[in-house]
Amino acid sequence: MTQSTKGTLGTPLTYVSATALVNYVYNNGDTILFVKNGSASPITVTIDSRELCNQGIDHDIVVTVANATEKAIGMFNKNRFNDGTSSIKFTLSSFTTISYASVEVLT
């Protein structure tokens, strides 16, 4: 699990290379996930919703990251997305040349 960077505007992100299709990052409810796609094809990032919404539907967050681009995804409601270790689970359609970082937004 990658550590979140705690900081203010201008704090550099610490990226780690994805080494699997399933990954986890700590989520304090004010966490943003950054995914950098260094491949020649777009990838899909799926954030696993652990709890049904009040309408009884499982709403995973699904985001496409175009080739050679980066996207910021989040913030994530702790009740809906956190597992027992206060982490969110995200799945990548491919992990070759993909890196990610997370940051806790200070409020």
PDB file of N, CA and C in Angstrom:
ATOM      1  N   MET A   1       0.844  -1.162   0.000  1.00  0.00           N
ATOM      2  CA  MET A   1       0.000   0.000   0.000  1.00  0.00           C
ATOM      3  C   MET A   1       0.895   1.232   0.000  1.00  0.00           C
ATOM      4  N   THR A   2       0.579   2.182  -0.862  1.00  0.00           N
ATOM      5  CA  THR A   2       1.364   3.400  -0.929  1.00  0.00           C
ATOM      6  C   THR A   2       0.934   4.359   0.173  1.00  0.00           C
ATOM      7  N   GLN A   3       1.851   5.127   0.669  1.00  0.00           N
ATOM      8  CA  GLN A   3       1.537   6.122   1.678  1.00  0.00           C
ATOM      9  C   GLN A   3       1.025   7.388   1.023  1.00  0.00           C
ATOM     10  N   SER A   4       0.074   8.033   1.649  1.00  0.00           N
ATOM     11  CA  SER A   4      -0.416   9.306   1.145  1.00  0.00           C
ATOM     12  C   SER A   4       0.569  10.397   1.507  1.00  0.00           C
ATOM     13  N   THR A   5       0.665  11.384   0.628  1.00  0.00           N
ATOM     14  CA  THR A   5       1.463  12.556   0.907  1.00  0.00           C
ATOM     15  C   THR A   5       0.576  13.551   1.640  1.00  0.00           C
ATOM     16  N   LYS A   6       0.985  13.996   2.816  1.00  0.00           N
ATOM     17  CA  LYS A   6       0.222  14.998   3.552  1.00  0.00           C
ATOM     18  C   LYS A   6       0.902  16.326   3.331  1.00  0.00           C
ATOM     19  N   GLY A   7       0.177  17.284   2.800  1.00  0.00           N
ATOM     20  CA  GLY A   7       0.829  18.559   2.577  1.00  0.00           C
ATOM     21  C   GLY A   7      -0.115  19.594   2.029  1.00  0.00           C
ATOM     22  N   THR A   8       0.475  20.728   1.734  1.00  0.00           N
ATOM     23  CA  THR A   8      -0.272  21.841   1.199  1.00  0.00           C
ATOM     24  C   THR A   8       0.024  21.959  -0.283  1.00  0.00           C
ATOM     25  N   LEU A   9      -0.568  22.956  -0.914  1.00  0.00           N
ATOM     26  CA  LEU A   9      -0.311  23.175  -2.334  1.00  0.00           C
ATOM     27  C   LEU A   9       1.190  23.243  -2.594  1.00  0.00           C
ATOM     28  N   GLY A  10       1.613  22.596  -3.652  1.00  0.00           N
ATOM     29  CA  GLY A  10       3.023  22.621  -4.024  1.00  0.00           C
ATOM     30  C   GLY A  10       3.814  21.441  -3.484  1.00  0.00           C
ATOM     31  N   THR A  11       3.218  20.619  -2.620  1.00  0.00           N
ATOM     32  CA  THR A  11       3.916  19.439  -2.112  1.00  0.00           C
ATOM     33  C   THR A  11       4.100  18.443  -3.247  1.00  0.00           C
ATOM     34  N   PRO A  12       5.337  18.011  -3.518  1.00  0.00           N
ATOM     35  CA  PRO A  12       5.540  17.056  -4.607  1.00  0.00           C
ATOM     36  C   PRO A  12       4.895  15.707  -4.295  1.00  0.00           C
ATOM     37  N   LEU A  13       4.341  15.087  -5.320  1.00  0.00           N
ATOM     38  CA  LEU A  13       3.751  13.761  -5.169  1.00  0.00           C
ATOM     39  C   LEU A  13       4.831  12.701  -5.263  1.00  0.00           C
ATOM     40  N   THR A  14       4.640  11.620  -4.524  1.00  0.00           N
ATOM     41  CA  THR A  14       5.535  10.479  -4.591  1.00  0.00           C
ATOM     42  C   THR A  14       4.806   9.363  -5.321  1.00  0.00           C
ATOM     43  N   TYR A  15       5.210   9.111  -6.560  1.00  0.00           N
ATOM     44  CA  TYR A  15       4.582   8.074  -7.378  1.00  0.00           C
ATOM     45  C   TYR A  15       5.264   6.740  -7.137  1.00  0.00           C
ATOM     46  N   VAL A  16       4.453   5.677  -7.193  1.00  0.00           N
ATOM     47  CA  VAL A  16       4.986   4.314  -7.159  1.00  0.00           C
ATOM     48  C   VAL A  16       4.488   3.602  -8.406  1.00  0.00           C
ATOM     49  N   SER A  17       5.284   2.674  -8.894  1.00  0.00           N
ATOM     50  CA  SER A  17       4.883   1.890 -10.062  1.00  0.00           C
ATOM     51  C   SER A  17       3.863   0.847  -9.649  1.00  0.00           C
ATOM     52  N   ALA A  18       2.811   0.733 -10.430  1.00  0.00           N
ATOM     53  CA  ALA A  18       1.829  -0.319 -10.191  1.00  0.00           C
ATOM     54  C   ALA A  18       2.484  -1.660 -10.526  1.00  0.00           C
ATOM     55  N   THR A  19       2.366  -2.608  -9.629  1.00  0.00           N
ATOM     56  CA  THR A  19       2.974  -3.924  -9.848  1.00  0.00           C
ATOM     57  C   THR A  19       1.919  -5.018  -9.930  1.00  0.00           C
ATOM     58  N   ALA A  20       0.647  -4.617  -9.903  1.00  0.00           N
ATOM     59  CA  ALA A  20      -0.450  -5.582  -9.980  1.00  0.00           C
ATOM     60  C   ALA A  20      -1.689  -4.874 -10.510  1.00  0.00           C
ATOM     61  N   LEU A  21      -2.675  -5.660 -10.903  1.00  0.00           N
ATOM     62  CA  LEU A  21      -3.924  -5.078 -11.379  1.00  0.00           C
ATOM     63  C   LEU A  21      -4.757  -4.516 -10.237  1.00  0.00           C
ATOM     64  N   VAL A  22      -4.612  -5.068  -9.020  1.00  0.00           N
ATOM     65  CA  VAL A  22      -5.354  -4.602  -7.848  1.00  0.00           C
ATOM     66  C   VAL A  22      -4.383  -3.888  -6.912  1.00  0.00           C
ATOM     67  N   ASN A  23      -4.760  -2.681  -6.470  1.00  0.00           N
ATOM     68  CA  ASN A  23      -3.904  -1.854  -5.630  1.00  0.00           C
ATOM     69  C   ASN A  23      -4.746  -1.217  -4.534  1.00  0.00           C
ATOM     70  N   TYR A  24      -4.058  -0.721  -3.491  1.00  0.00           N
ATOM     71  CA  TYR A  24      -4.734  -0.098  -2.357  1.00  0.00           C
ATOM     72  C   TYR A  24      -3.999   1.181  -1.963  1.00  0.00           C
ATOM     73  N   VAL A  25      -4.749   2.191  -1.529  1.00  0.00           N
ATOM     74  CA  VAL A  25      -4.165   3.384  -0.920  1.00  0.00           C
ATOM     75  C   VAL A  25      -5.005   3.764   0.292  1.00  0.00           C
ATOM     76  N   TYR A  26      -4.343   4.353   1.281  1.00  0.00           N
ATOM     77  CA  TYR A  26      -5.018   4.832   2.482  1.00  0.00           C
ATOM     78  C   TYR A  26      -5.997   5.939   2.102  1.00  0.00           C
ATOM     79  N   ASN A  27      -7.153   5.975   2.759  1.00  0.00           N
ATOM     80  CA  ASN A  27      -8.160   6.996   2.487  1.00  0.00           C
ATOM     81  C   ASN A  27      -8.674   7.579   3.797  1.00  0.00           C
ATOM     82  N   ASN A  28      -8.481   8.891   3.978  1.00  0.00           N
ATOM     83  CA  ASN A  28      -9.004   9.563   5.157  1.00  0.00           C
ATOM     84  C   ASN A  28     -10.310  10.301   4.858  1.00  0.00           C
ATOM     85  N   GLY A  29     -10.866  10.097   3.666  1.00  0.00           N
ATOM     86  CA  GLY A  29     -12.080  10.801   3.251  1.00  0.00           C
ATOM     87  C   GLY A  29     -11.777  12.062   2.454  1.00  0.00           C
ATOM     88  N   ASP A  30     -10.551  12.536   2.550  1.00  0.00           N
ATOM     89  CA  ASP A  30     -10.091  13.714   1.801  1.00  0.00           C
ATOM     90  C   ASP A  30      -8.905  13.342   0.929  1.00  0.00           C
ATOM     91  N   THR A  31      -8.916  12.122   0.409  1.00  0.00           N
ATOM     92  CA  THR A  31      -7.804  11.595  -0.376  1.00  0.00           C
ATOM     93  C   THR A  31      -8.109  11.710  -1.864  1.00  0.00           C
ATOM     94  N   ILE A  32      -7.093  12.112  -2.619  1.00  0.00           N
ATOM     95  CA  ILE A  32      -7.184  12.146  -4.078  1.00  0.00           C
ATOM     96  C   ILE A  32      -6.143  11.168  -4.618  1.00  0.00           C
ATOM     97  N   LEU A  33      -6.570  10.338  -5.557  1.00  0.00           N
ATOM     98  CA  LEU A  33      -5.703   9.363  -6.210  1.00  0.00           C
ATOM     99  C   LEU A  33      -5.278   9.914  -7.563  1.00  0.00           C
ATOM    100  N   PHE A  34      -3.982   9.926  -7.828  1.00  0.00           N
ATOM    101  CA  PHE A  34      -3.437  10.353  -9.113  1.00  0.00           C
ATOM    102  C   PHE A  34      -2.927   9.115  -9.838  1.00  0.00           C
ATOM    103  N   VAL A  35      -3.370   8.939 -11.075  1.00  0.00           N
ATOM    104  CA  VAL A  35      -2.936   7.793 -11.879  1.00  0.00           C
ATOM    105  C   VAL A  35      -2.279   8.325 -13.145  1.00  0.00           C
ATOM    106  N   LYS A  36      -1.053   7.890 -13.377  1.00  0.00           N
ATOM    107  CA  LYS A  36      -0.271   8.315 -14.534  1.00  0.00           C
ATOM    108  C   LYS A  36      -0.131   7.139 -15.488  1.00  0.00           C
ATOM    109  N   ASN A  37      -0.605   7.317 -16.722  1.00  0.00           N
ATOM    110  CA  ASN A  37      -0.566   6.261 -17.732  1.00  0.00           C
ATOM    111  C   ASN A  37       0.572   6.547 -18.710  1.00  0.00           C
ATOM    112  N   GLY A  38       1.633   5.759 -18.612  1.00  0.00           N
ATOM    113  CA  GLY A  38       2.766   5.922 -19.508  1.00  0.00           C
ATOM    114  C   GLY A  38       2.715   5.002 -20.716  1.00  0.00           C
ATOM    115  N   SER A  39       1.603   4.295 -20.886  1.00  0.00           N
ATOM    116  CA  SER A  39       1.519   3.337 -21.985  1.00  0.00           C
ATOM    117  C   SER A  39       0.987   3.990 -23.259  1.00  0.00           C
ATOM    118  N   ALA A  40       0.941   3.227 -24.322  1.00  0.00           N
ATOM    119  CA  ALA A  40       0.468   3.718 -25.614  1.00  0.00           C
ATOM    120  C   ALA A  40      -1.039   3.547 -25.791  1.00  0.00           C
ATOM    121  N   SER A  41      -1.706   2.979 -24.803  1.00  0.00           N
ATOM    122  CA  SER A  41      -3.149   2.744 -24.886  1.00  0.00           C
ATOM    123  C   SER A  41      -3.841   3.282 -23.640  1.00  0.00           C
ATOM    124  N   PRO A  42      -5.117   3.639 -23.760  1.00  0.00           N
ATOM    125  CA  PRO A  42      -5.855   4.065 -22.568  1.00  0.00           C
ATOM    126  C   PRO A  42      -6.048   2.906 -21.593  1.00  0.00           C
ATOM    127  N   ILE A  43      -6.209   3.235 -20.307  1.00  0.00           N
ATOM    128  CA  ILE A  43      -6.498   2.225 -19.297  1.00  0.00           C
ATOM    129  C   ILE A  43      -7.767   2.626 -18.552  1.00  0.00           C
ATOM    130  N   THR A  44      -8.338   1.659 -17.847  1.00  0.00           N
ATOM    131  CA  THR A  44      -9.502   1.911 -17.011  1.00  0.00           C
ATOM    132  C   THR A  44      -9.111   1.705 -15.558  1.00  0.00           C
ATOM    133  N   VAL A  45      -9.498   2.662 -14.712  1.00  0.00           N
ATOM    134  CA  VAL A  45      -9.290   2.573 -13.271  1.00  0.00           C
ATOM    135  C   VAL A  45     -10.666   2.419 -12.636  1.00  0.00           C
ATOM    136  N   THR A  46     -10.835   1.379 -11.822  1.00  0.00           N
ATOM    137  CA  THR A  46     -12.109   1.144 -11.146  1.00  0.00           C
ATOM    138  C   THR A  46     -11.891   1.200  -9.642  1.00  0.00           C
ATOM    139  N   ILE A  47     -12.578   2.150  -8.986  1.00  0.00           N
ATOM    140  CA  ILE A  47     -12.525   2.269  -7.532  1.00  0.00           C
ATOM    141  C   ILE A  47     -13.693   1.456  -6.986  1.00  0.00           C
ATOM    142  N   ASP A  48     -13.390   0.487  -6.131  1.00  0.00           N
ATOM    143  CA  ASP A  48     -14.389  -0.447  -5.624  1.00  0.00           C
ATOM    144  C   ASP A  48     -15.225   0.178  -4.515  1.00  0.00           C
ATOM    145  N   SER A  49     -16.527   0.310  -4.761  1.00  0.00           N
ATOM    146  CA  SER A  49     -17.462   0.746  -3.728  1.00  0.00           C
ATOM    147  C   SER A  49     -17.761  -0.447  -2.836  1.00  0.00           C
ATOM    148  N   ARG A  50     -17.558  -0.307  -1.538  1.00  0.00           N
ATOM    149  CA  ARG A  50     -17.739  -1.414  -0.595  1.00  0.00           C
ATOM    150  C   ARG A  50     -19.146  -1.450  -0.007  1.00  0.00           C
ATOM    151  N   GLU A  51     -19.916  -0.405  -0.240  1.00  0.00           N
ATOM    152  CA  GLU A  51     -21.244  -0.320   0.358  1.00  0.00           C
ATOM    153  C   GLU A  51     -22.238   0.184  -0.669  1.00  0.00           C
ATOM    154  N   LEU A  52     -23.438  -0.316  -0.619  1.00  0.00           N
ATOM    155  CA  LEU A  52     -24.484   0.130  -1.525  1.00  0.00           C
ATOM    156  C   LEU A  52     -24.926   1.540  -1.157  1.00  0.00           C
ATOM    157  N   CYS A  53     -25.358   2.290  -2.162  1.00  0.00           N
ATOM    158  CA  CYS A  53     -25.895   3.621  -1.896  1.00  0.00           C
ATOM    159  C   CYS A  53     -27.261   3.479  -1.228  1.00  0.00           C
ATOM    160  N   ASN A  54     -27.876   4.597  -0.876  1.00  0.00           N
ATOM    161  CA  ASN A  54     -29.174   4.539  -0.189  1.00  0.00           C
ATOM    162  C   ASN A  54     -30.294   4.039  -1.100  1.00  0.00           C
ATOM    163  N   GLN A  55     -30.011   3.854  -2.378  1.00  0.00           N
ATOM    164  CA  GLN A  55     -30.971   3.278  -3.315  1.00  0.00           C
ATOM    165  C   GLN A  55     -30.702   1.790  -3.549  1.00  0.00           C
ATOM    166  N   GLY A  56     -29.690   1.248  -2.846  1.00  0.00           N
ATOM    167  CA  GLY A  56     -29.389  -0.171  -2.945  1.00  0.00           C
ATOM    168  C   GLY A  56     -28.548  -0.564  -4.142  1.00  0.00           C
ATOM    169  N   ILE A  57     -27.828   0.398  -4.731  1.00  0.00           N
ATOM    170  CA  ILE A  57     -27.030   0.135  -5.931  1.00  0.00           C
ATOM    171  C   ILE A  57     -25.547   0.286  -5.598  1.00  0.00           C
ATOM    172  N   ASP A  58     -24.733  -0.602  -6.169  1.00  0.00           N
ATOM    173  CA  ASP A  58     -23.275  -0.542  -6.003  1.00  0.00           C
ATOM    174  C   ASP A  58     -22.701   0.354  -7.095  1.00  0.00           C
ATOM    175  N   HIS A  59     -22.225   1.527  -6.713  1.00  0.00           N
ATOM    176  CA  HIS A  59     -21.688   2.493  -7.682  1.00  0.00           C
ATOM    177  C   HIS A  59     -20.165   2.538  -7.594  1.00  0.00           C
ATOM    178  N   ASP A  60     -19.501   1.645  -8.301  1.00  0.00           N
ATOM    179  CA  ASP A  60     -18.051   1.775  -8.418  1.00  0.00           C
ATOM    180  C   ASP A  60     -17.765   3.041  -9.225  1.00  0.00           C
ATOM    181  N   ILE A  61     -16.604   3.620  -8.993  1.00  0.00           N
ATOM    182  CA  ILE A  61     -16.165   4.753  -9.814  1.00  0.00           C
ATOM    183  C   ILE A  61     -15.279   4.183 -10.914  1.00  0.00           C
ATOM    184  N   VAL A  62     -15.617   4.455 -12.164  1.00  0.00           N
ATOM    185  CA  VAL A  62     -14.857   3.953 -13.302  1.00  0.00           C
ATOM    186  C   VAL A  62     -14.363   5.155 -14.106  1.00  0.00           C
ATOM    187  N   VAL A  63     -13.043   5.242 -14.274  1.00  0.00           N
ATOM    188  CA  VAL A  63     -12.415   6.377 -14.954  1.00  0.00           C
ATOM    189  C   VAL A  63     -11.457   5.851 -16.017  1.00  0.00           C
ATOM    190  N   THR A  64     -11.519   6.447 -17.207  1.00  0.00           N
ATOM    191  CA  THR A  64     -10.567   6.126 -18.266  1.00  0.00           C
ATOM    192  C   THR A  64      -9.427   7.140 -18.232  1.00  0.00           C
ATOM    193  N   VAL A  65      -8.203   6.639 -18.269  1.00  0.00           N
ATOM    194  CA  VAL A  65      -7.016   7.494 -18.330  1.00  0.00           C
ATOM    195  C   VAL A  65      -6.398   7.269 -19.699  1.00  0.00           C
ATOM    196  N   ALA A  66      -6.422   8.300 -20.525  1.00  0.00           N
ATOM    197  CA  ALA A  66      -5.889   8.200 -21.888  1.00  0.00           C
ATOM    198  C   ALA A  66      -4.391   7.912 -21.856  1.00  0.00           C
ATOM    199  N   ASN A  67      -3.893   7.383 -22.968  1.00  0.00           N
ATOM    200  CA  ASN A  67      -2.464   7.102 -23.056  1.00  0.00           C
ATOM    201  C   ASN A  67      -1.655   8.384 -22.893  1.00  0.00           C
ATOM    202  N   ALA A  68      -0.518   8.249 -22.210  1.00  0.00           N
ATOM    203  CA  ALA A  68       0.435   9.339 -21.978  1.00  0.00           C
ATOM    204  C   ALA A  68      -0.195  10.535 -21.266  1.00  0.00           C
ATOM    205  N   THR A  69      -1.161  10.269 -20.364  1.00  0.00           N
ATOM    206  CA  THR A  69      -1.774  11.339 -19.576  1.00  0.00           C
ATOM    207  C   THR A  69      -1.863  10.913 -18.110  1.00  0.00           C
ATOM    208  N   GLU A  70      -2.377  11.838 -17.317  1.00  0.00           N
ATOM    209  CA  GLU A  70      -2.547  11.613 -15.886  1.00  0.00           C
ATOM    210  C   GLU A  70      -3.916  12.133 -15.481  1.00  0.00           C
ATOM    211  N   LYS A  71      -4.549  11.467 -14.511  1.00  0.00           N
ATOM    212  CA  LYS A  71      -5.846  11.929 -13.993  1.00  0.00           C
ATOM    213  C   LYS A  71      -5.826  11.915 -12.482  1.00  0.00           C
ATOM    214  N   ALA A  72      -6.542  12.877 -11.909  1.00  0.00           N
ATOM    215  CA  ALA A  72      -6.791  12.922 -10.471  1.00  0.00           C
ATOM    216  C   ALA A  72      -8.200  12.404 -10.240  1.00  0.00           C
ATOM    217  N   ILE A  73      -8.358  11.493  -9.278  1.00  0.00           N
ATOM    218  CA  ILE A  73      -9.642  10.872  -8.991  1.00  0.00           C
ATOM    219  C   ILE A  73      -9.907  10.997  -7.487  1.00  0.00           C
ATOM    220  N   GLY A  74     -11.085  11.400  -7.114  1.00  0.00           N
ATOM    221  CA  GLY A  74     -11.425  11.464  -5.691  1.00  0.00           C
ATOM    222  C   GLY A  74     -12.176  12.732  -5.395  1.00  0.00           C
ATOM    223  N   MET A  75     -12.547  12.923  -4.229  1.00  0.00           N
ATOM    224  CA  MET A  75     -12.315  12.317  -2.940  1.00  0.00           C
ATOM    225  C   MET A  75     -13.297  11.163  -2.727  1.00  0.00           C
ATOM    226  N   PHE A  76     -13.017  10.323  -1.716  1.00  0.00           N
ATOM    227  CA  PHE A  76     -13.747   9.086  -1.529  1.00  0.00           C
ATOM    228  C   PHE A  76     -14.384   9.032  -0.147  1.00  0.00           C
ATOM    229  N   ASN A  77     -15.691   8.902  -0.110  1.00  0.00           N
ATOM    230  CA  ASN A  77     -16.420   8.779   1.138  1.00  0.00           C
ATOM    231  C   ASN A  77     -15.938   7.530   1.874  1.00  0.00           C
ATOM    232  N   LYS A  78     -15.503   7.695   3.112  1.00  0.00           N
ATOM    233  CA  LYS A  78     -14.949   6.567   3.873  1.00  0.00           C
ATOM    234  C   LYS A  78     -15.954   5.441   4.060  1.00  0.00           C
ATOM    235  N   ASN A  79     -17.203   5.782   4.311  1.00  0.00           N
ATOM    236  CA  ASN A  79     -18.212   4.740   4.546  1.00  0.00           C
ATOM    237  C   ASN A  79     -18.472   3.903   3.300  1.00  0.00           C
ATOM    238  N   ARG A  80     -18.410   4.513   2.143  1.00  0.00           N
ATOM    239  CA  ARG A  80     -18.691   3.786   0.898  1.00  0.00           C
ATOM    240  C   ARG A  80     -17.505   3.034   0.340  1.00  0.00           C
ATOM    241  N   PHE A  81     -16.296   3.557   0.525  1.00  0.00           N
ATOM    242  CA  PHE A  81     -15.142   3.011  -0.198  1.00  0.00           C
ATOM    243  C   PHE A  81     -14.082   2.333   0.663  1.00  0.00           C
ATOM    244  N   ASN A  82     -14.001   2.643   1.960  1.00  0.00           N
ATOM    245  CA  ASN A  82     -12.927   2.074   2.773  1.00  0.00           C
ATOM    246  C   ASN A  82     -13.169   0.622   3.131  1.00  0.00           C
ATOM    247  N   ASP A  83     -12.059  -0.141   3.166  1.00  0.00           N
ATOM    248  CA  ASP A  83     -12.119  -1.503   3.677  1.00  0.00           C
ATOM    249  C   ASP A  83     -11.781  -1.468   5.168  1.00  0.00           C
ATOM    250  N   GLY A  84     -11.512  -2.603   5.769  1.00  0.00           N
ATOM    251  CA  GLY A  84     -11.214  -2.677   7.197  1.00  0.00           C
ATOM    252  C   GLY A  84      -9.900  -2.059   7.610  1.00  0.00           C
ATOM    253  N   THR A  85      -9.050  -1.696   6.644  1.00  0.00           N
ATOM    254  CA  THR A  85      -7.758  -1.073   6.956  1.00  0.00           C
ATOM    255  C   THR A  85      -7.736   0.401   6.565  1.00  0.00           C
ATOM    256  N   SER A  86      -8.910   1.013   6.389  1.00  0.00           N
ATOM    257  CA  SER A  86      -9.035   2.422   5.999  1.00  0.00           C
ATOM    258  C   SER A  86      -8.399   2.696   4.636  1.00  0.00           C
ATOM    259  N   SER A  87      -8.492   1.720   3.754  1.00  0.00           N
ATOM    260  CA  SER A  87      -7.919   1.856   2.418  1.00  0.00           C
ATOM    261  C   SER A  87      -9.005   1.690   1.364  1.00  0.00           C
ATOM    262  N   ILE A  88      -8.753   2.297   0.207  1.00  0.00           N
ATOM    263  CA  ILE A  88      -9.606   2.053  -0.947  1.00  0.00           C
ATOM    264  C   ILE A  88      -8.898   1.053  -1.854  1.00  0.00           C
ATOM    265  N   LYS A  89      -9.697   0.242  -2.521  1.00  0.00           N
ATOM    266  CA  LYS A  89      -9.182  -0.736  -3.478  1.00  0.00           C
ATOM    267  C   LYS A  89      -9.465  -0.210  -4.872  1.00  0.00           C
ATOM    268  N   PHE A  90      -8.426  -0.190  -5.725  1.00  0.00           N
ATOM    269  CA  PHE A  90      -8.657   0.179  -7.117  1.00  0.00           C
ATOM    270  C   PHE A  90      -8.005  -0.839  -8.032  1.00  0.00           C
ATOM    271  N   THR A  91      -8.718  -1.094  -9.134  1.00  0.00           N
ATOM    272  CA  THR A  91      -8.276  -2.072 -10.113  1.00  0.00           C
ATOM    273  C   THR A  91      -7.895  -1.354 -11.395  1.00  0.00           C
ATOM    274  N   LEU A  92      -6.804  -1.789 -12.003  1.00  0.00           N
ATOM    275  CA  LEU A  92      -6.324  -1.231 -13.266  1.00  0.00           C
ATOM    276  C   LEU A  92      -6.556  -2.256 -14.371  1.00  0.00           C
ATOM    277  N   SER A  93      -6.946  -1.805 -15.551  1.00  0.00           N
ATOM    278  CA  SER A  93      -7.113  -2.736 -16.667  1.00  0.00           C
ATOM    279  C   SER A  93      -5.766  -3.234 -17.183  1.00  0.00           C
ATOM    280  N   SER A  94      -4.704  -2.489 -16.900  1.00  0.00           N
ATOM    281  CA  SER A  94      -3.333  -2.880 -17.212  1.00  0.00           C
ATOM    282  C   SER A  94      -2.430  -2.160 -16.223  1.00  0.00           C
ATOM    283  N   PHE A  95      -1.322  -2.769 -15.842  1.00  0.00           N
ATOM    284  CA  PHE A  95      -0.429  -2.070 -14.913  1.00  0.00           C
ATOM    285  C   PHE A  95       0.946  -1.793 -15.507  1.00  0.00           C
ATOM    286  N   THR A  96       1.150  -2.163 -16.758  1.00  0.00           N
ATOM    287  CA  THR A  96       2.424  -1.900 -17.418  1.00  0.00           C
ATOM    288  C   THR A  96       2.582  -0.409 -17.655  1.00  0.00           C
ATOM    289  N   THR A  97       3.662   0.150 -17.196  1.00  0.00           N
ATOM    290  CA  THR A  97       4.018   1.581 -17.290  1.00  0.00           C
ATOM    291  C   THR A  97       2.965   2.491 -16.644  1.00  0.00           C
ATOM    292  N   ILE A  98       2.306   1.997 -15.588  1.00  0.00           N
ATOM    293  CA  ILE A  98       1.335   2.785 -14.848  1.00  0.00           C
ATOM    294  C   ILE A  98       1.924   3.093 -13.473  1.00  0.00           C
ATOM    295  N   SER A  99       1.777   4.326 -13.017  1.00  0.00           N
ATOM    296  CA  SER A  99       2.194   4.690 -11.664  1.00  0.00           C
ATOM    297  C   SER A  99       1.066   5.479 -11.007  1.00  0.00           C
ATOM    298  N   TYR A 100       1.122   5.531  -9.686  1.00  0.00           N
ATOM    299  CA  TYR A 100       0.070   6.230  -8.952  1.00  0.00           C
ATOM    300  C   TYR A 100       0.619   6.851  -7.681  1.00  0.00           C
ATOM    301  N   ALA A 101      -0.116   7.825  -7.191  1.00  0.00           N
ATOM    302  CA  ALA A 101       0.197   8.503  -5.925  1.00  0.00           C
ATOM    303  C   ALA A 101      -1.119   8.916  -5.300  1.00  0.00           C
ATOM    304  N   SER A 102      -1.082   9.194  -4.015  1.00  0.00           N
ATOM    305  CA  SER A 102      -2.272   9.720  -3.363  1.00  0.00           C
ATOM    306  C   SER A 102      -1.866  10.868  -2.470  1.00  0.00           C
ATOM    307  N   VAL A 103      -2.801  11.761  -2.239  1.00  0.00           N
ATOM    308  CA  VAL A 103      -2.533  12.911  -1.385  1.00  0.00           C
ATOM    309  C   VAL A 103      -3.752  13.146  -0.519  1.00  0.00           C
ATOM    310  N   GLU A 104      -3.506  13.516   0.731  1.00  0.00           N
ATOM    311  CA  GLU A 104      -4.580  13.898   1.632  1.00  0.00           C
ATOM    312  C   GLU A 104      -4.712  15.415   1.557  1.00  0.00           C
ATOM    313  N   VAL A 105      -5.897  15.868   1.213  1.00  0.00           N
ATOM    314  CA  VAL A 105      -6.150  17.297   1.138  1.00  0.00           C
ATOM    315  C   VAL A 105      -6.316  17.813   2.558  1.00  0.00           C
ATOM    316  N   LEU A 106      -5.547  18.806   2.927  1.00  0.00           N
ATOM    317  CA  LEU A 106      -5.650  19.384   4.261  1.00  0.00           C
ATOM    318  C   LEU A 106      -6.762  20.411   4.273  1.00  0.00           C
ATOM    319  N   THR A 107      -7.677  20.236   5.202  1.00  0.00           N
ATOM    320  CA  THR A 107      -8.804  21.166   5.289  1.00  0.00           C
ATOM    321  C   THR A 107      -8.714  22.026   6.513  1.00  0.00           C
TER     322      THR A 107
END
